[in-house]
Amino acid sequence: MTRVAPPIATALAPLEAEVQADVVHAYERAGCRVVRTAQSYRRGSRRSAGTPGIPDLKIYCARARLTWWHETKAATGRQRPAQRVFQQMAESCGEIYVLGGLDAAIVQLQRVGIFA
């Protein structure tokens, strides 16, 4: 019998969950409140519990008097079609949509004047 070990996450390719934890931490350290959208794991696949394509996070930043969506992605991650549709819908109504990892969160915090 041959056993195959599960893939090991390396420092070069962090898992999306790790990236999301870093993003949440950055926003919270900046004084923002973070709402995580409901996600569930069933039979090994990630399924959204609601609107298709809804981003992972909704950020409430009282200091900047703004809110925005943040879809976290690891460096190798790509948006699914439903996520692109949600982004277009949100942006067409004047909402801010951030896509990416920690670097994208820092850029957003700079844009709203939290970081110089």
N, C-alpha and C. Protein backbone atom coordinates (compact mmCIF):
# COMPACT_ATOMS: atom_id res chain seq x y z
N MET A 1 0.84 -1.17 0.00
CA MET A 1 0.00 0.00 0.00
C MET A 1 0.89 1.24 0.00
N THR A 2 0.61 2.15 -0.89
CA THR A 2 1.36 3.39 -0.97
C THR A 2 0.53 4.51 -0.40
N ARG A 3 1.12 5.29 0.47
CA ARG A 3 0.43 6.44 1.04
C ARG A 3 0.96 7.70 0.40
N VAL A 4 0.06 8.58 0.07
CA VAL A 4 0.45 9.85 -0.51
C VAL A 4 0.12 10.94 0.50
N ALA A 5 1.11 11.73 0.82
CA ALA A 5 0.90 12.82 1.78
C ALA A 5 0.16 13.96 1.11
N PRO A 6 -0.65 14.69 1.88
CA PRO A 6 -1.33 15.84 1.30
C PRO A 6 -0.32 16.91 0.91
N PRO A 7 -0.67 17.80 -0.02
CA PRO A 7 0.26 18.84 -0.43
C PRO A 7 0.64 19.73 0.75
N ILE A 8 1.86 20.17 0.75
CA ILE A 8 2.35 21.04 1.82
C ILE A 8 2.37 22.47 1.31
N ALA A 9 1.74 23.37 2.06
CA ALA A 9 1.77 24.79 1.69
C ALA A 9 3.16 25.32 1.99
N THR A 10 3.72 26.04 1.05
CA THR A 10 5.05 26.60 1.25
C THR A 10 4.95 28.10 1.43
N ALA A 11 6.04 28.67 1.87
CA ALA A 11 6.08 30.13 2.05
C ALA A 11 5.91 30.83 0.72
N LEU A 12 6.24 30.16 -0.37
CA LEU A 12 6.12 30.78 -1.68
C LEU A 12 4.69 30.78 -2.20
N ALA A 13 3.88 29.84 -1.72
CA ALA A 13 2.50 29.73 -2.19
C ALA A 13 1.57 29.54 -1.00
N PRO A 14 1.26 30.62 -0.27
CA PRO A 14 0.38 30.47 0.89
C PRO A 14 -1.04 30.12 0.45
N LEU A 15 -1.72 29.40 1.32
CA LEU A 15 -3.11 29.05 1.06
C LEU A 15 -3.97 30.30 1.17
N GLU A 16 -5.09 30.30 0.47
CA GLU A 16 -5.97 31.46 0.49
C GLU A 16 -6.46 31.77 1.90
N ALA A 17 -6.68 30.75 2.71
CA ALA A 17 -7.11 30.97 4.10
C ALA A 17 -6.06 31.74 4.89
N GLU A 18 -4.78 31.44 4.63
CA GLU A 18 -3.70 32.17 5.30
C GLU A 18 -3.64 33.61 4.83
N VAL A 19 -3.82 33.80 3.54
CA VAL A 19 -3.83 35.15 2.98
C VAL A 19 -4.99 35.94 3.59
N GLN A 20 -6.15 35.32 3.68
CA GLN A 20 -7.31 35.99 4.26
C GLN A 20 -7.06 36.39 5.71
N ALA A 21 -6.43 35.52 6.47
CA ALA A 21 -6.12 35.83 7.87
C ALA A 21 -5.21 37.05 7.96
N ASP A 22 -4.23 37.15 7.07
CA ASP A 22 -3.33 38.32 7.04
C ASP A 22 -4.09 39.59 6.67
N VAL A 23 -4.99 39.49 5.72
CA VAL A 23 -5.79 40.64 5.28
C VAL A 23 -6.67 41.12 6.43
N VAL A 24 -7.36 40.20 7.08
CA VAL A 24 -8.24 40.56 8.20
C VAL A 24 -7.42 41.24 9.30
N HIS A 25 -6.28 40.67 9.60
CA HIS A 25 -5.42 41.23 10.65
C HIS A 25 -5.00 42.67 10.31
N ALA A 26 -4.61 42.91 9.06
CA ALA A 26 -4.20 44.26 8.64
C ALA A 26 -5.34 45.25 8.79
N TYR A 27 -6.53 44.88 8.33
CA TYR A 27 -7.67 45.78 8.44
C TYR A 27 -8.01 46.05 9.91
N GLU A 28 -8.00 45.02 10.73
CA GLU A 28 -8.34 45.21 12.14
C GLU A 28 -7.30 46.06 12.85
N ARG A 29 -6.04 45.88 12.52
CA ARG A 29 -4.99 46.73 13.13
C ARG A 29 -5.14 48.18 12.71
N ALA A 30 -5.74 48.41 11.55
CA ALA A 30 -5.97 49.78 11.07
C ALA A 30 -7.25 50.37 11.67
N GLY A 31 -7.94 49.60 12.49
CA GLY A 31 -9.14 50.10 13.15
C GLY A 31 -10.43 49.81 12.40
N CYS A 32 -10.36 49.01 11.38
CA CYS A 32 -11.55 48.66 10.61
C CYS A 32 -12.24 47.45 11.25
N ARG A 33 -13.51 47.32 10.98
CA ARG A 33 -14.25 46.13 11.39
C ARG A 33 -14.44 45.27 10.14
N VAL A 34 -14.28 43.99 10.32
CA VAL A 34 -14.33 43.07 9.19
C VAL A 34 -15.47 42.08 9.39
N VAL A 35 -16.32 41.96 8.38
CA VAL A 35 -17.39 40.97 8.38
C VAL A 35 -17.01 39.91 7.36
N ARG A 36 -16.95 38.68 7.82
CA ARG A 36 -16.65 37.57 6.91
C ARG A 36 -17.97 37.02 6.40
N THR A 37 -18.07 36.86 5.11
CA THR A 37 -19.29 36.30 4.56
C THR A 37 -19.32 34.81 4.86
N ALA A 38 -20.50 34.26 4.95
CA ALA A 38 -20.66 32.86 5.34
C ALA A 38 -20.11 31.96 4.26
N GLN A 39 -19.24 31.07 4.66
CA GLN A 39 -18.69 30.06 3.76
C GLN A 39 -18.84 28.72 4.47
N SER A 40 -19.10 27.69 3.73
CA SER A 40 -19.16 26.36 4.33
C SER A 40 -18.33 25.41 3.50
N TYR A 41 -17.88 24.36 4.12
CA TYR A 41 -17.09 23.34 3.44
C TYR A 41 -17.89 22.05 3.47
N ARG A 42 -18.21 21.55 2.30
CA ARG A 42 -18.98 20.31 2.20
C ARG A 42 -18.32 19.40 1.17
N ARG A 43 -18.07 18.19 1.60
CA ARG A 43 -17.48 17.18 0.71
C ARG A 43 -16.26 17.69 -0.02
N GLY A 44 -15.43 18.45 0.69
CA GLY A 44 -14.16 18.89 0.12
C GLY A 44 -14.23 20.10 -0.79
N SER A 45 -15.42 20.62 -1.04
CA SER A 45 -15.49 21.79 -1.91
C SER A 45 -16.02 22.98 -1.12
N ARG A 46 -15.58 24.13 -1.49
CA ARG A 46 -16.00 25.35 -0.81
C ARG A 46 -17.25 25.86 -1.51
N ARG A 47 -18.30 26.10 -0.72
CA ARG A 47 -19.55 26.58 -1.30
C ARG A 47 -20.02 27.80 -0.55
N SER A 48 -20.42 28.80 -1.28
CA SER A 48 -20.94 30.00 -0.65
C SER A 48 -22.36 29.74 -0.18
N ALA A 49 -22.66 30.24 1.01
CA ALA A 49 -24.00 30.05 1.56
C ALA A 49 -24.85 31.27 1.23
N GLY A 50 -25.12 31.51 -0.03
CA GLY A 50 -25.92 32.67 -0.39
C GLY A 50 -25.67 33.12 -1.81
N THR A 51 -25.43 34.39 -1.99
CA THR A 51 -25.26 35.00 -3.30
C THR A 51 -24.01 34.48 -4.01
N PRO A 52 -24.15 33.98 -5.22
CA PRO A 52 -22.98 33.50 -5.96
C PRO A 52 -21.99 34.65 -6.19
N GLY A 53 -20.72 34.38 -5.95
CA GLY A 53 -19.68 35.37 -6.22
C GLY A 53 -19.46 36.40 -5.13
N ILE A 54 -20.23 36.32 -4.03
CA ILE A 54 -20.08 37.33 -2.98
C ILE A 54 -18.65 37.27 -2.44
N PRO A 55 -18.01 38.42 -2.26
CA PRO A 55 -16.63 38.43 -1.77
C PRO A 55 -16.51 37.86 -0.36
N ASP A 56 -15.29 37.53 0.00
CA ASP A 56 -15.00 36.92 1.29
C ASP A 56 -15.25 37.86 2.46
N LEU A 57 -15.00 39.15 2.25
CA LEU A 57 -15.03 40.11 3.35
C LEU A 57 -15.76 41.39 2.98
N LYS A 58 -16.42 41.97 3.98
CA LYS A 58 -16.97 43.32 3.87
C LYS A 58 -16.27 44.13 4.95
N ILE A 59 -15.65 45.21 4.57
CA ILE A 59 -14.86 46.03 5.48
C ILE A 59 -15.63 47.29 5.81
N TYR A 60 -15.69 47.61 7.11
CA TYR A 60 -16.31 48.84 7.60
C TYR A 60 -15.22 49.67 8.27
N CYS A 61 -14.94 50.82 7.69
CA CYS A 61 -13.86 51.66 8.19
C CYS A 61 -14.44 53.00 8.64
N ALA A 62 -14.73 53.11 9.93
CA ALA A 62 -15.33 54.33 10.47
C ALA A 62 -14.39 55.53 10.32
N ARG A 63 -13.09 55.30 10.46
CA ARG A 63 -12.13 56.41 10.33
C ARG A 63 -12.23 57.07 8.97
N ALA A 64 -12.43 56.28 7.93
CA ALA A 64 -12.54 56.82 6.58
C ALA A 64 -14.00 57.03 6.16
N ARG A 65 -14.92 56.60 7.02
CA ARG A 65 -16.35 56.67 6.74
C ARG A 65 -16.70 55.99 5.41
N LEU A 66 -16.12 54.80 5.23
CA LEU A 66 -16.31 54.03 4.01
C LEU A 66 -16.48 52.55 4.32
N THR A 67 -17.10 51.86 3.38
CA THR A 67 -17.13 50.40 3.39
C THR A 67 -16.64 49.92 2.03
N TRP A 68 -16.17 48.69 2.00
CA TRP A 68 -15.80 48.09 0.72
C TRP A 68 -15.79 46.58 0.84
N TRP A 69 -15.84 45.94 -0.32
CA TRP A 69 -15.75 44.49 -0.42
C TRP A 69 -14.29 44.12 -0.63
N HIS A 70 -13.90 42.95 -0.14
CA HIS A 70 -12.55 42.45 -0.42
C HIS A 70 -12.64 40.96 -0.71
N GLU A 71 -12.28 40.59 -1.93
CA GLU A 71 -12.19 39.19 -2.33
C GLU A 71 -10.73 38.79 -2.20
N THR A 72 -10.43 37.93 -1.24
CA THR A 72 -9.03 37.54 -1.03
C THR A 72 -8.63 36.46 -2.02
N LYS A 73 -7.44 36.63 -2.52
CA LYS A 73 -6.87 35.64 -3.43
C LYS A 73 -5.40 35.48 -3.11
N ALA A 74 -4.94 34.24 -3.11
CA ALA A 74 -3.52 33.97 -3.02
C ALA A 74 -2.90 34.40 -4.35
N ALA A 75 -1.60 34.48 -4.39
CA ALA A 75 -0.91 34.96 -5.60
C ALA A 75 -1.31 34.19 -6.85
N THR A 76 -1.60 32.91 -6.69
CA THR A 76 -1.95 32.09 -7.85
C THR A 76 -3.45 31.99 -8.08
N GLY A 77 -4.26 32.65 -7.24
CA GLY A 77 -5.71 32.55 -7.34
C GLY A 77 -6.29 33.37 -8.47
N ARG A 78 -7.41 32.92 -8.99
CA ARG A 78 -8.11 33.63 -10.07
C ARG A 78 -9.58 33.77 -9.70
N GLN A 79 -10.17 34.85 -10.15
CA GLN A 79 -11.61 35.05 -9.91
C GLN A 79 -12.42 34.05 -10.72
N ARG A 80 -13.47 33.56 -10.09
CA ARG A 80 -14.44 32.73 -10.81
C ARG A 80 -15.38 33.67 -11.56
N PRO A 81 -16.07 33.17 -12.58
CA PRO A 81 -16.98 34.04 -13.34
C PRO A 81 -18.02 34.74 -12.46
N ALA A 82 -18.60 34.04 -11.49
CA ALA A 82 -19.60 34.67 -10.62
C ALA A 82 -18.99 35.79 -9.80
N GLN A 83 -17.71 35.67 -9.46
CA GLN A 83 -17.03 36.73 -8.71
C GLN A 83 -16.83 37.97 -9.59
N ARG A 84 -16.53 37.77 -10.86
CA ARG A 84 -16.39 38.91 -11.79
C ARG A 84 -17.73 39.61 -11.97
N VAL A 85 -18.80 38.84 -12.05
CA VAL A 85 -20.14 39.42 -12.19
C VAL A 85 -20.47 40.24 -10.94
N PHE A 86 -20.17 39.72 -9.75
CA PHE A 86 -20.44 40.46 -8.53
C PHE A 86 -19.62 41.75 -8.49
N GLN A 87 -18.36 41.68 -8.89
CA GLN A 87 -17.51 42.87 -8.91
C GLN A 87 -18.11 43.93 -9.83
N GLN A 88 -18.53 43.55 -11.01
CA GLN A 88 -19.13 44.50 -11.95
C GLN A 88 -20.39 45.11 -11.37
N MET A 89 -21.22 44.30 -10.73
CA MET A 89 -22.45 44.80 -10.12
C MET A 89 -22.14 45.81 -9.03
N ALA A 90 -21.21 45.47 -8.14
CA ALA A 90 -20.87 46.37 -7.03
C ALA A 90 -20.28 47.68 -7.55
N GLU A 91 -19.33 47.59 -8.46
CA GLU A 91 -18.68 48.80 -8.98
C GLU A 91 -19.64 49.66 -9.78
N SER A 92 -20.62 49.05 -10.45
CA SER A 92 -21.59 49.83 -11.23
C SER A 92 -22.49 50.66 -10.32
N CYS A 93 -22.54 50.30 -9.04
CA CYS A 93 -23.33 51.05 -8.06
C CYS A 93 -22.45 51.94 -7.19
N GLY A 94 -21.19 52.09 -7.58
CA GLY A 94 -20.29 52.98 -6.85
C GLY A 94 -19.62 52.35 -5.65
N GLU A 95 -19.76 51.04 -5.47
CA GLU A 95 -19.10 50.38 -4.35
C GLU A 95 -17.64 50.08 -4.69
N ILE A 96 -16.81 50.04 -3.66
CA ILE A 96 -15.40 49.71 -3.81
C ILE A 96 -15.25 48.20 -3.72
N TYR A 97 -14.45 47.63 -4.60
CA TYR A 97 -14.20 46.20 -4.64
C TYR A 97 -12.69 46.01 -4.71
N VAL A 98 -12.14 45.33 -3.74
CA VAL A 98 -10.70 45.07 -3.69
C VAL A 98 -10.48 43.59 -3.96
N LEU A 99 -9.51 43.29 -4.81
CA LEU A 99 -9.20 41.92 -5.18
C LEU A 99 -7.73 41.66 -4.92
N GLY A 100 -7.43 40.65 -4.12
CA GLY A 100 -6.04 40.28 -3.89
C GLY A 100 -5.78 39.96 -2.44
N GLY A 101 -4.51 39.98 -2.10
CA GLY A 101 -4.09 39.62 -0.76
C GLY A 101 -3.71 40.82 0.09
N LEU A 102 -2.70 40.62 0.92
CA LEU A 102 -2.28 41.64 1.86
C LEU A 102 -1.84 42.92 1.16
N ASP A 103 -1.12 42.80 0.05
CA ASP A 103 -0.68 43.99 -0.68
C ASP A 103 -1.87 44.83 -1.14
N ALA A 104 -2.92 44.17 -1.62
CA ALA A 104 -4.12 44.89 -2.06
C ALA A 104 -4.81 45.59 -0.89
N ALA A 105 -4.81 44.95 0.28
CA ALA A 105 -5.40 45.57 1.47
C ALA A 105 -4.63 46.81 1.88
N ILE A 106 -3.32 46.72 1.85
CA ILE A 106 -2.48 47.88 2.22
C ILE A 106 -2.69 49.02 1.24
N VAL A 107 -2.75 48.72 -0.04
CA VAL A 107 -3.00 49.76 -1.04
C VAL A 107 -4.36 50.42 -0.78
N GLN A 108 -5.37 49.62 -0.46
CA GLN A 108 -6.71 50.18 -0.17
C GLN A 108 -6.66 51.08 1.05
N LEU A 109 -5.97 50.66 2.09
CA LEU A 109 -5.86 51.50 3.30
C LEU A 109 -5.12 52.81 2.99
N GLN A 110 -4.16 52.76 2.09
CA GLN A 110 -3.49 53.99 1.66
C GLN A 110 -4.44 54.87 0.87
N ARG A 111 -5.22 54.30 0.00
CA ARG A 111 -6.18 55.06 -0.82
C ARG A 111 -7.18 55.82 0.04
N VAL A 112 -7.60 55.22 1.17
CA VAL A 112 -8.60 55.86 2.01
C VAL A 112 -7.97 56.72 3.09
N GLY A 113 -6.64 56.84 3.04
CA GLY A 113 -5.95 57.76 3.95
C GLY A 113 -5.60 57.20 5.31
N ILE A 114 -5.65 55.87 5.48
CA ILE A 114 -5.31 55.29 6.78
C ILE A 114 -3.79 55.16 6.91
N PHE A 115 -3.13 54.72 5.86
CA PHE A 115 -1.67 54.62 5.85
C PHE A 115 -1.12 55.66 4.90
N ALA A 116 -0.01 56.29 5.26
CA ALA A 116 0.62 57.28 4.38
C ALA A 116 1.45 56.57 3.32
